[in-house]
């Protein structure tokens, strides 16, 4: 498993001095980026090949949120390819080896010129060495919406929401959704289903749902078609 070490920053913590769920996602996302860059399969490689890995789904399970200034180890490894789909695990541990959080993700490799999914080229499959799946519960990719959601005020996509692919970054959808949820909830599981890409100037309409132990926000277009659905389990 590819790993790097870090220390929880004050800017990544909540009012209780604990790492936030969105900052945890950022650590995992950065870990996969570092992994790809160190293999020579990073941003420049993808740009030259006119390719992009697009995230379909996150599932993050939290055992414990580390505190400010705590040392942590973040790791990632792919665990399978199927056609144009890639599967990747993530892990955050304490310096002593305590599992703090783990995650499973599903990705699609896109040809940016055609807009269609493509199978990974040989050098990707050679360099991305698949490992055994982490021991965790693997839930379905799709998130079922309850009935009777509450429509909230729309959000306009600004420059700070975008990543190098010029669409809304995966973590920014989570931040938009969390803004619609109560501020007292303690997340034990985060699931995100990504449906389509939003770009600069897009209007996103959050619809909020709540059921026992779960908070869900569907981030929709004007026709109520979701860009992404975010679910927090407490």
Foldseek 3Di string as FASTA:
>chain_A
DQKDKDFAAPVQADPVQFGDPLVVVVVQVVQVQVLCVVLVNHDVVCVVQQKDKAWFKKKKFFPATDGGGFMKMKDKAWADDDFQKTKMKIFIAGPVGHTGMMMITMIGMARNVVRDTGGDPPSVPVRRDHDHDDPDDDDDQDDDDDPDWAKDDKDADAPVQQDPVQWGDPSSVVVVQVVVDDPPDDFRMKMKGADATHHHGFIWIWTWDDDVQKTKIFTAHPVRHGRMIMMGGD
